[in-house]
Amino acid sequence: MQRLWVGAGALAGFGAVAMAAFTAHASLDEGAVGVLREAVQMQGWHALALLSCGLWAERGGRLADAAGAAFVIGLLCFCGGVYALVLAGIRLAGLIPTGGTLLMLGWLLLLLSAFRRA
């Protein structure tokens, strides 16, 4: 699973940089740009969290893997939902808050993995 989390983190990081570049050059109103920047920042931080899961997975066990899964699904729901809403006007009910909740759960699972018995 280590490679999966590192790969997912690298892909999320790549996507964050691409979305940051898009946001910087897109012809959008100021409010939309602000919302996109927040989502890009969230994606970048959680790309690093996924890399951490990959580096920690061997010692953190199933809890670290569960954290990685929560981060991936949370990123897809939260950032994907924000991007769909701002860029395409598509509102997917409950997707953004569900994604945010999964991201928070990922951090709690990663915390628990740090205290699990080896």
N, C-alpha and C. Protein backbone atom coordinates (compact mmCIF):
# COMPACT_ATOMS: atom_id res chain seq x y z
N MET A 1 0.81 -1.19 0.00
CA MET A 1 0.00 0.00 0.00
C MET A 1 0.86 1.26 0.00
N GLN A 2 2.11 1.12 0.41
CA GLN A 2 2.98 2.30 0.46
C GLN A 2 3.04 2.99 -0.89
N ARG A 3 3.26 2.24 -1.93
CA ARG A 3 3.39 2.82 -3.27
C ARG A 3 2.08 3.47 -3.71
N LEU A 4 0.96 2.87 -3.33
CA LEU A 4 -0.33 3.43 -3.68
C LEU A 4 -0.50 4.82 -3.08
N TRP A 5 -0.17 4.98 -1.78
CA TRP A 5 -0.35 6.28 -1.13
C TRP A 5 0.64 7.31 -1.66
N VAL A 6 1.87 6.89 -1.90
CA VAL A 6 2.85 7.82 -2.47
C VAL A 6 2.42 8.24 -3.87
N GLY A 7 1.97 7.27 -4.67
CA GLY A 7 1.49 7.60 -6.02
C GLY A 7 0.28 8.50 -6.00
N ALA A 8 -0.66 8.22 -5.09
CA ALA A 8 -1.86 9.06 -4.98
C ALA A 8 -1.48 10.47 -4.52
N GLY A 9 -0.52 10.55 -3.60
CA GLY A 9 -0.06 11.86 -3.14
C GLY A 9 0.61 12.65 -4.25
N ALA A 10 1.42 11.96 -5.04
CA ALA A 10 2.09 12.63 -6.16
C ALA A 10 1.07 13.11 -7.19
N LEU A 11 0.07 12.28 -7.47
CA LEU A 11 -0.97 12.67 -8.42
C LEU A 11 -1.79 13.85 -7.89
N ALA A 12 -2.13 13.80 -6.60
CA ALA A 12 -2.87 14.91 -6.00
C ALA A 12 -2.04 16.19 -6.01
N GLY A 13 -0.74 16.08 -5.75
CA GLY A 13 0.14 17.23 -5.81
C GLY A 13 0.22 17.82 -7.21
N PHE A 14 0.35 16.94 -8.19
CA PHE A 14 0.36 17.38 -9.58
C PHE A 14 -0.94 18.12 -9.91
N GLY A 15 -2.06 17.53 -9.50
CA GLY A 15 -3.35 18.16 -9.76
C GLY A 15 -3.48 19.51 -9.07
N ALA A 16 -2.94 19.62 -7.87
CA ALA A 16 -3.00 20.90 -7.15
C ALA A 16 -2.22 21.98 -7.88
N VAL A 17 -1.05 21.64 -8.37
CA VAL A 17 -0.25 22.62 -9.12
C VAL A 17 -0.96 22.99 -10.42
N ALA A 18 -1.53 22.00 -11.11
CA ALA A 18 -2.25 22.28 -12.35
C ALA A 18 -3.46 23.18 -12.10
N MET A 19 -4.22 22.89 -11.03
CA MET A 19 -5.38 23.71 -10.72
C MET A 19 -4.97 25.11 -10.27
N ALA A 20 -3.84 25.23 -9.58
CA ALA A 20 -3.35 26.54 -9.17
C ALA A 20 -3.00 27.37 -10.41
N ALA A 21 -2.36 26.74 -11.38
CA ALA A 21 -2.02 27.44 -12.62
C ALA A 21 -3.28 27.85 -13.36
N PHE A 22 -4.24 26.93 -13.44
CA PHE A 22 -5.50 27.25 -14.10
C PHE A 22 -6.19 28.42 -13.42
N THR A 23 -6.26 28.36 -12.09
CA THR A 23 -6.93 29.41 -11.32
C THR A 23 -6.25 30.76 -11.52
N ALA A 24 -4.93 30.77 -11.61
CA ALA A 24 -4.20 32.02 -11.79
C ALA A 24 -4.45 32.65 -13.15
N HIS A 25 -4.78 31.84 -14.14
CA HIS A 25 -4.91 32.36 -15.50
C HIS A 25 -6.34 32.37 -16.03
N ALA A 26 -7.27 31.81 -15.26
CA ALA A 26 -8.66 31.73 -15.73
C ALA A 26 -9.35 33.09 -15.61
N SER A 27 -10.30 33.31 -16.47
CA SER A 27 -11.10 34.53 -16.43
C SER A 27 -12.35 34.27 -15.60
N LEU A 28 -12.15 34.32 -14.28
CA LEU A 28 -13.24 34.07 -13.34
C LEU A 28 -13.40 35.26 -12.42
N ASP A 29 -14.58 35.40 -11.83
CA ASP A 29 -14.76 36.50 -10.89
C ASP A 29 -13.96 36.22 -9.62
N GLU A 30 -13.73 37.28 -8.87
CA GLU A 30 -12.88 37.21 -7.68
C GLU A 30 -13.36 36.18 -6.66
N GLY A 31 -14.67 36.09 -6.48
CA GLY A 31 -15.22 35.12 -5.52
C GLY A 31 -14.91 33.70 -5.92
N ALA A 32 -15.08 33.39 -7.20
CA ALA A 32 -14.79 32.04 -7.70
C ALA A 32 -13.31 31.70 -7.54
N VAL A 33 -12.46 32.67 -7.83
CA VAL A 33 -11.02 32.45 -7.69
C VAL A 33 -10.67 32.15 -6.23
N GLY A 34 -11.28 32.88 -5.31
CA GLY A 34 -11.01 32.64 -3.89
C GLY A 34 -11.42 31.25 -3.45
N VAL A 35 -12.59 30.80 -3.90
CA VAL A 35 -13.06 29.46 -3.55
C VAL A 35 -12.14 28.40 -4.16
N LEU A 36 -11.74 28.59 -5.40
CA LEU A 36 -10.83 27.63 -6.04
C LEU A 36 -9.49 27.58 -5.33
N ARG A 37 -8.99 28.73 -4.91
CA ARG A 37 -7.70 28.75 -4.20
C ARG A 37 -7.77 27.95 -2.91
N GLU A 38 -8.89 28.06 -2.21
CA GLU A 38 -9.07 27.29 -0.97
C GLU A 38 -9.05 25.78 -1.26
N ALA A 39 -9.73 25.38 -2.33
CA ALA A 39 -9.76 23.96 -2.69
C ALA A 39 -8.37 23.48 -3.13
N VAL A 40 -7.66 24.30 -3.88
CA VAL A 40 -6.31 23.96 -4.31
C VAL A 40 -5.39 23.81 -3.10
N GLN A 41 -5.52 24.72 -2.14
CA GLN A 41 -4.70 24.62 -0.93
C GLN A 41 -5.02 23.34 -0.17
N MET A 42 -6.29 23.01 -0.05
CA MET A 42 -6.70 21.79 0.64
C MET A 42 -6.13 20.56 -0.09
N GLN A 43 -6.17 20.60 -1.41
CA GLN A 43 -5.63 19.48 -2.19
C GLN A 43 -4.13 19.35 -1.99
N GLY A 44 -3.43 20.46 -1.97
CA GLY A 44 -1.97 20.41 -1.77
C GLY A 44 -1.59 19.87 -0.41
N TRP A 45 -2.27 20.32 0.64
CA TRP A 45 -1.96 19.81 1.98
C TRP A 45 -2.24 18.32 2.09
N HIS A 46 -3.32 17.88 1.47
CA HIS A 46 -3.66 16.46 1.58
C HIS A 46 -2.84 15.59 0.63
N ALA A 47 -2.25 16.19 -0.38
CA ALA A 47 -1.26 15.46 -1.18
C ALA A 47 -0.08 15.09 -0.27
N LEU A 48 0.34 16.03 0.55
CA LEU A 48 1.42 15.76 1.50
C LEU A 48 1.00 14.73 2.55
N ALA A 49 -0.25 14.80 2.97
CA ALA A 49 -0.75 13.81 3.93
C ALA A 49 -0.70 12.41 3.32
N LEU A 50 -1.04 12.29 2.05
CA LEU A 50 -0.96 10.98 1.39
C LEU A 50 0.48 10.49 1.29
N LEU A 51 1.40 11.38 1.00
CA LEU A 51 2.81 10.99 0.98
C LEU A 51 3.22 10.48 2.37
N SER A 52 2.74 11.16 3.40
CA SER A 52 3.04 10.74 4.77
C SER A 52 2.47 9.35 5.04
N CYS A 53 1.28 9.09 4.56
CA CYS A 53 0.69 7.75 4.73
C CYS A 53 1.57 6.70 4.07
N GLY A 54 2.08 7.01 2.90
CA GLY A 54 2.96 6.06 2.22
C GLY A 54 4.24 5.80 2.98
N LEU A 55 4.82 6.85 3.55
CA LEU A 55 6.05 6.69 4.32
C LEU A 55 5.80 5.98 5.65
N TRP A 56 4.62 6.13 6.20
CA TRP A 56 4.29 5.61 7.52
C TRP A 56 3.57 4.25 7.45
N ALA A 57 3.07 3.87 6.29
CA ALA A 57 2.18 2.71 6.16
C ALA A 57 2.75 1.43 6.77
N GLU A 58 4.02 1.18 6.60
CA GLU A 58 4.61 -0.06 7.11
C GLU A 58 4.50 -0.13 8.63
N ARG A 59 4.74 0.97 9.30
CA ARG A 59 4.66 0.99 10.78
C ARG A 59 3.26 1.29 11.27
N GLY A 60 2.49 2.04 10.52
CA GLY A 60 1.16 2.44 10.95
C GLY A 60 0.08 1.40 10.70
N GLY A 61 0.38 0.42 9.86
CA GLY A 61 -0.55 -0.68 9.61
C GLY A 61 -1.85 -0.28 8.96
N ARG A 62 -2.90 -1.02 9.31
CA ARG A 62 -4.20 -0.82 8.68
C ARG A 62 -4.79 0.56 8.94
N LEU A 63 -4.48 1.13 10.10
CA LEU A 63 -4.99 2.47 10.39
C LEU A 63 -4.39 3.51 9.44
N ALA A 64 -3.11 3.37 9.14
CA ALA A 64 -2.47 4.28 8.19
C ALA A 64 -3.05 4.08 6.79
N ASP A 65 -3.34 2.83 6.43
CA ASP A 65 -3.96 2.57 5.13
C ASP A 65 -5.38 3.13 5.09
N ALA A 66 -6.11 3.01 6.20
CA ALA A 66 -7.46 3.58 6.26
C ALA A 66 -7.40 5.10 6.15
N ALA A 67 -6.39 5.70 6.77
CA ALA A 67 -6.21 7.16 6.65
C ALA A 67 -5.97 7.54 5.19
N GLY A 68 -5.11 6.79 4.51
CA GLY A 68 -4.86 7.07 3.10
C GLY A 68 -6.12 6.97 2.26
N ALA A 69 -6.92 5.95 2.52
CA ALA A 69 -8.17 5.78 1.77
C ALA A 69 -9.12 6.95 2.06
N ALA A 70 -9.20 7.36 3.33
CA ALA A 70 -10.07 8.50 3.68
C ALA A 70 -9.59 9.77 3.00
N PHE A 71 -8.27 9.96 2.93
CA PHE A 71 -7.74 11.14 2.25
C PHE A 71 -8.07 11.13 0.76
N VAL A 72 -7.91 9.99 0.11
CA VAL A 72 -8.18 9.91 -1.34
C VAL A 72 -9.65 10.18 -1.62
N ILE A 73 -10.53 9.48 -0.91
CA ILE A 73 -11.96 9.65 -1.16
C ILE A 73 -12.40 11.06 -0.75
N GLY A 74 -11.85 11.54 0.37
CA GLY A 74 -12.17 12.89 0.81
C GLY A 74 -11.74 13.95 -0.20
N LEU A 75 -10.56 13.79 -0.76
CA LEU A 75 -10.10 14.74 -1.79
C LEU A 75 -10.99 14.72 -3.01
N LEU A 76 -11.34 13.52 -3.46
CA LEU A 76 -12.20 13.42 -4.63
C LEU A 76 -13.55 14.09 -4.38
N CYS A 77 -14.12 13.85 -3.20
CA CYS A 77 -15.42 14.43 -2.89
C CYS A 77 -15.33 15.93 -2.64
N PHE A 78 -14.41 16.34 -1.75
CA PHE A 78 -14.34 17.75 -1.39
C PHE A 78 -13.85 18.60 -2.54
N CYS A 79 -12.64 18.35 -3.00
CA CYS A 79 -12.07 19.18 -4.07
C CYS A 79 -12.83 19.00 -5.37
N GLY A 80 -13.17 17.75 -5.69
CA GLY A 80 -13.95 17.50 -6.90
C GLY A 80 -15.29 18.22 -6.87
N GLY A 81 -15.94 18.21 -5.70
CA GLY A 81 -17.22 18.89 -5.55
C GLY A 81 -17.09 20.39 -5.70
N VAL A 82 -16.04 20.96 -5.10
CA VAL A 82 -15.81 22.41 -5.23
C VAL A 82 -15.50 22.76 -6.68
N TYR A 83 -14.62 21.98 -7.34
CA TYR A 83 -14.28 22.27 -8.73
C TYR A 83 -15.51 22.16 -9.63
N ALA A 84 -16.34 21.13 -9.42
CA ALA A 84 -17.55 20.96 -10.23
C ALA A 84 -18.51 22.13 -10.02
N LEU A 85 -18.65 22.56 -8.77
CA LEU A 85 -19.57 23.66 -8.47
C LEU A 85 -19.10 24.98 -9.09
N VAL A 86 -17.83 25.31 -8.88
CA VAL A 86 -17.33 26.60 -9.33
C VAL A 86 -17.12 26.63 -10.85
N LEU A 87 -16.61 25.57 -11.41
CA LEU A 87 -16.26 25.60 -12.83
C LEU A 87 -17.39 25.20 -13.77
N ALA A 88 -18.29 24.33 -13.29
CA ALA A 88 -19.35 23.85 -14.18
C ALA A 88 -20.75 24.13 -13.65
N GLY A 89 -20.85 24.69 -12.45
CA GLY A 89 -22.16 24.96 -11.88
C GLY A 89 -22.91 23.71 -11.46
N ILE A 90 -22.19 22.62 -11.31
CA ILE A 90 -22.82 21.35 -10.92
C ILE A 90 -22.77 21.22 -9.40
N ARG A 91 -23.95 21.17 -8.79
CA ARG A 91 -24.04 21.03 -7.33
C ARG A 91 -24.43 19.59 -7.03
N LEU A 92 -23.53 18.89 -6.38
CA LEU A 92 -23.76 17.50 -6.00
C LEU A 92 -24.04 17.48 -4.49
N ALA A 93 -25.30 17.35 -4.14
CA ALA A 93 -25.76 17.50 -2.76
C ALA A 93 -24.96 16.64 -1.79
N GLY A 94 -24.41 17.28 -0.78
CA GLY A 94 -23.72 16.57 0.29
C GLY A 94 -22.30 16.14 -0.02
N LEU A 95 -21.87 16.27 -1.25
CA LEU A 95 -20.55 15.76 -1.62
C LEU A 95 -19.42 16.53 -0.94
N ILE A 96 -19.50 17.83 -0.92
CA ILE A 96 -18.43 18.65 -0.35
C ILE A 96 -18.32 18.44 1.16
N PRO A 97 -19.42 18.50 1.93
CA PRO A 97 -19.27 18.26 3.37
C PRO A 97 -18.86 16.82 3.69
N THR A 98 -19.30 15.87 2.89
CA THR A 98 -18.87 14.48 3.09
C THR A 98 -17.37 14.37 2.88
N GLY A 99 -16.88 15.01 1.84
CA GLY A 99 -15.44 15.00 1.58
C GLY A 99 -14.66 15.64 2.71
N GLY A 100 -15.14 16.76 3.22
CA GLY A 100 -14.47 17.42 4.34
C GLY A 100 -14.44 16.54 5.58
N THR A 101 -15.54 15.86 5.83
CA THR A 101 -15.60 14.95 6.97
C THR A 101 -14.61 13.80 6.80
N LEU A 102 -14.51 13.26 5.60
CA LEU A 102 -13.54 12.18 5.34
C LEU A 102 -12.10 12.66 5.51
N LEU A 103 -11.83 13.90 5.11
CA LEU A 103 -10.48 14.43 5.30
C LEU A 103 -10.14 14.53 6.78
N MET A 104 -11.10 15.00 7.58
CA MET A 104 -10.87 15.07 9.02
C MET A 104 -10.70 13.66 9.61
N LEU A 105 -11.51 12.72 9.15
CA LEU A 105 -11.39 11.34 9.61
C LEU A 105 -10.02 10.78 9.28
N GLY A 106 -9.50 11.11 8.10
CA GLY A 106 -8.16 10.66 7.72
C GLY A 106 -7.11 11.11 8.71
N TRP A 107 -7.22 12.36 9.16
CA TRP A 107 -6.25 12.86 10.14
C TRP A 107 -6.38 12.12 11.47
N LEU A 108 -7.61 11.83 11.89
CA LEU A 108 -7.79 11.09 13.14
C LEU A 108 -7.25 9.67 13.03
N LEU A 109 -7.48 9.03 11.89
CA LEU A 109 -6.95 7.68 11.69
C LEU A 109 -5.42 7.68 11.67
N LEU A 110 -4.84 8.70 11.07
CA LEU A 110 -3.38 8.81 11.06
C LEU A 110 -2.86 9.01 12.48
N LEU A 111 -3.56 9.81 13.25
CA LEU A 111 -3.20 10.00 14.66
C LEU A 111 -3.27 8.68 15.42
N LEU A 112 -4.35 7.96 15.25
CA LEU A 112 -4.49 6.67 15.93
C LEU A 112 -3.39 5.69 15.51
N SER A 113 -3.01 5.74 14.25
CA SER A 113 -1.96 4.83 13.78
C SER A 113 -0.62 5.10 14.46
N ALA A 114 -0.44 6.34 14.89
CA ALA A 114 0.82 6.68 15.56
C ALA A 114 0.89 6.07 16.97
N PHE A 115 -0.26 5.74 17.54
CA PHE A 115 -0.29 5.20 18.89
C PHE A 115 -0.62 3.71 18.95
N ARG A 116 -0.77 3.09 17.80
CA ARG A 116 -1.09 1.66 17.81
C ARG A 116 0.14 0.86 18.22
N ARG A 117 -0.11 -0.28 18.78
CA ARG A 117 0.99 -1.14 19.20
C ARG A 117 1.66 -1.76 17.99
N ALA A 118 2.97 -1.81 18.03
CA ALA A 118 3.73 -2.40 16.91
C ALA A 118 3.72 -3.90 16.98
